[in-house]
Amino acid sequence: MAISFHVASVKYVNKLIESKQFDTLISICHPNGIDDLPYVGTDWAGNKLPHGLVVGIPDNTPFSRDRKGLGLPTGEQVLRVIEFARSLPDGAQVLLHCKRGRSRSPAVLLTVLAARGMMEKEAVRQLLTNCPKATPNGWILKLADAILDVKLFHYASLAGIVKWK
């Protein structure tokens, strides 16, 4: 059930898609739309990548100072990610991104890896090997933990990469 992955900021996604290294794209945008994702649409969805998921997840936690009225990530959003992850073929080459590639997309990556059966400690290790500056959104991890009955938040906290308790 192995996949390969790369986490990026929105700034580099077009170049990475054009490199044809990836067959799957997971775009995490703000819930108010995909205005910061200029490549999303029939262009890439129909022609460039056979698999894709666009999900609007705010980068907030219950303790965020600046929520901008977007609310918190929801269980329904995380469940969409889990269902998509389980539908990926073995050997999928997944490109994940959010605006900066540091909080939401690393949390979604950990969720994807856990949904595909990877142990939590190994998922965190792989994340840090590939994304050493990652600070996964703790609320997304808590939601994934509840849905998958895993301990992503715990292992990410032990690694010192979650910024809230």
Protein backbone atom coordinates (compact mmCIF):
# COMPACT_ATOMS: atom_id res chain seq x y z
CA MET A 1 0.00 0.00 0.00
CA ALA A 2 2.97 2.27 -0.52
CA ILE A 3 2.77 5.63 -2.22
CA SER A 4 5.42 8.24 -2.90
CA PHE A 5 4.72 11.85 -2.10
CA HIS A 6 5.90 15.42 -2.23
CA VAL A 7 4.54 18.35 -0.21
CA ALA A 8 4.76 21.81 -1.76
CA SER A 9 3.47 25.34 -1.51
CA VAL A 10 1.05 26.61 -4.13
CA LYS A 11 3.92 28.64 -5.62
CA TYR A 12 5.61 25.52 -7.04
CA VAL A 13 2.65 23.34 -7.98
CA ASN A 14 2.41 24.27 -11.67
CA LYS A 15 6.08 23.41 -12.27
CA LEU A 16 5.76 20.17 -10.35
CA ILE A 17 2.66 19.13 -12.31
CA GLU A 18 4.40 19.97 -15.58
CA SER A 19 7.35 17.78 -14.54
CA LYS A 20 5.03 14.76 -14.95
CA GLN A 21 6.51 13.11 -11.84
CA PHE A 22 3.09 12.85 -10.19
CA ASP A 23 -0.11 11.06 -11.07
CA THR A 24 -2.16 12.37 -8.15
CA LEU A 25 -2.79 15.88 -6.80
CA ILE A 26 -4.34 16.75 -3.46
CA SER A 27 -5.06 20.49 -3.31
CA ILE A 28 -5.93 21.98 0.05
CA CYS A 29 -7.41 25.42 -0.42
CA HIS A 30 -9.38 27.75 1.83
CA PRO A 31 -13.07 26.94 2.18
CA ASN A 32 -14.04 30.19 0.47
CA GLY A 33 -12.96 28.78 -2.88
CA ILE A 34 -10.03 28.01 -5.07
CA ASP A 35 -9.04 31.55 -5.97
CA ASP A 36 -5.40 30.92 -5.04
CA LEU A 37 -5.24 27.77 -7.18
CA PRO A 38 -5.09 29.05 -10.76
CA TYR A 39 -4.39 25.64 -12.33
CA VAL A 40 -7.44 23.89 -10.88
CA GLY A 41 -10.14 23.11 -13.39
CA THR A 42 -10.67 21.07 -16.50
CA ASP A 43 -7.11 21.79 -17.60
CA TRP A 44 -5.34 19.60 -15.06
CA ALA A 45 -8.24 17.54 -13.84
CA GLY A 46 -9.12 16.17 -17.25
CA ASN A 47 -5.76 16.08 -18.93
CA LYS A 48 -2.72 16.27 -16.70
CA LEU A 49 -3.43 13.98 -13.73
CA PRO A 50 -5.68 10.92 -13.56
CA HIS A 51 -6.42 11.39 -9.85
CA GLY A 52 -7.19 14.56 -7.94
CA LEU A 53 -8.88 15.90 -4.85
CA VAL A 54 -9.59 19.54 -4.07
CA VAL A 55 -10.76 20.10 -0.51
CA GLY A 56 -11.35 23.40 1.26
CA ILE A 57 -9.79 23.16 4.72
CA PRO A 58 -9.07 26.27 6.82
CA ASP A 59 -5.67 26.50 8.50
CA ASN A 60 -7.10 27.07 11.94
CA THR A 61 -7.01 25.37 15.29
CA PRO A 62 -9.30 26.02 18.25
CA PHE A 63 -6.62 28.40 19.53
CA SER A 64 -5.86 30.33 16.33
CA ARG A 65 -5.64 34.07 16.85
CA ASP A 66 -6.69 34.95 13.32
CA ARG A 67 -9.47 32.68 12.12
CA LYS A 68 -10.77 35.15 9.51
CA GLY A 69 -14.27 33.76 9.95
CA LEU A 70 -13.38 30.52 8.15
CA GLY A 71 -14.02 28.21 11.08
CA LEU A 72 -12.16 25.03 11.89
CA PRO A 73 -11.37 22.00 9.76
CA THR A 74 -14.23 19.50 10.00
CA GLY A 75 -14.52 15.76 10.30
CA GLU A 76 -16.33 15.68 6.95
CA GLN A 77 -13.33 17.29 5.23
CA VAL A 78 -10.90 14.85 6.83
CA LEU A 79 -13.20 11.93 5.94
CA ARG A 80 -13.09 13.03 2.27
CA VAL A 81 -9.29 12.89 2.43
CA ILE A 82 -9.37 9.43 4.05
CA GLU A 83 -11.77 8.04 1.46
CA PHE A 84 -9.66 9.49 -1.36
CA ALA A 85 -6.45 8.09 0.18
CA ARG A 86 -7.95 4.62 0.38
CA SER A 87 -8.93 4.80 -3.30
CA LEU A 88 -5.37 5.48 -4.49
CA PRO A 89 -3.60 2.66 -6.28
CA ASP A 90 -0.40 1.21 -4.84
CA GLY A 91 2.58 3.09 -6.19
CA ALA A 92 0.67 6.35 -6.63
CA GLN A 93 2.92 9.40 -6.89
CA VAL A 94 1.12 12.04 -4.86
CA LEU A 95 1.69 15.79 -4.88
CA LEU A 96 0.05 17.54 -1.91
CA HIS A 97 -0.08 21.26 -1.43
CA CYS A 98 -1.69 24.09 0.44
CA LYS A 99 -0.79 27.76 0.34
CA ARG A 100 2.57 27.47 2.16
CA GLY A 101 3.03 23.69 2.32
CA ARG A 102 3.80 23.69 6.04
CA SER A 103 0.63 23.08 8.06
CA ARG A 104 -2.45 21.75 6.29
CA SER A 105 -0.74 19.66 3.61
CA PRO A 106 1.64 17.92 6.09
CA ALA A 107 -1.35 17.11 8.33
CA VAL A 108 -3.25 15.78 5.32
CA LEU A 109 -0.20 13.75 4.30
CA LEU A 110 -0.03 12.12 7.73
CA THR A 111 -3.75 11.39 7.43
CA VAL A 112 -3.26 9.83 3.98
CA LEU A 113 -0.40 7.64 5.18
CA ALA A 114 -2.34 6.47 8.25
CA ALA A 115 -5.46 5.81 6.15
CA ARG A 116 -3.35 3.55 3.94
CA GLY A 117 -2.15 1.55 6.97
CA MET A 118 1.21 3.11 7.80
CA MET A 119 2.09 3.18 11.49
CA GLU A 120 1.95 6.65 13.01
CA LYS A 121 5.60 6.81 14.08
CA GLU A 122 6.76 5.81 10.58
CA ALA A 123 4.40 8.35 8.97
CA VAL A 124 5.88 11.15 11.09
CA ARG A 125 9.40 9.96 10.29
CA GLN A 126 8.68 9.99 6.55
CA LEU A 127 7.10 13.43 6.80
CA LEU A 128 10.14 14.86 8.56
CA THR A 129 12.53 13.18 6.12
CA ASN A 130 10.75 14.81 3.19
CA CYS A 131 9.47 18.02 4.82
CA PRO A 132 11.80 18.99 7.69
CA LYS A 133 10.07 22.36 8.22
CA ALA A 134 6.58 20.85 8.52
CA THR A 135 4.35 21.94 11.39
CA PRO A 136 1.19 19.90 10.80
CA ASN A 137 -2.15 21.41 11.76
CA GLY A 138 -2.94 19.75 15.08
CA TRP A 139 -6.70 19.99 14.72
CA ILE A 140 -6.61 18.04 11.44
CA LEU A 141 -4.48 15.41 13.20
CA LYS A 142 -6.95 15.21 16.10
CA LEU A 143 -9.82 14.70 13.65
CA ALA A 144 -7.87 12.02 11.76
CA ASP A 145 -7.05 10.31 15.07
CA ALA A 146 -10.73 10.16 16.01
CA ILE A 147 -11.85 8.84 12.62
CA LEU A 148 -9.01 6.34 12.07
CA ASP A 149 -8.47 5.40 15.74
CA VAL A 150 -4.76 6.27 15.50
CA LYS A 151 -2.36 8.57 17.37
CA LEU A 152 -0.96 10.95 14.75
CA PHE A 153 -1.24 13.94 17.07
CA HIS A 154 0.66 12.10 19.81
CA TYR A 155 3.56 11.08 17.57
CA ALA A 156 3.74 14.47 15.86
CA SER A 157 3.82 16.09 19.32
CA LEU A 158 6.61 13.76 20.45
CA ALA A 159 8.57 14.89 17.39
CA GLY A 160 8.03 18.51 18.45
CA ILE A 161 6.30 19.57 15.24
CA VAL A 162 2.80 20.40 16.52
CA LYS A 163 2.59 23.94 17.84
CA TRP A 164 -0.39 23.56 20.19
CA LYS A 165 -1.67 21.03 22.69
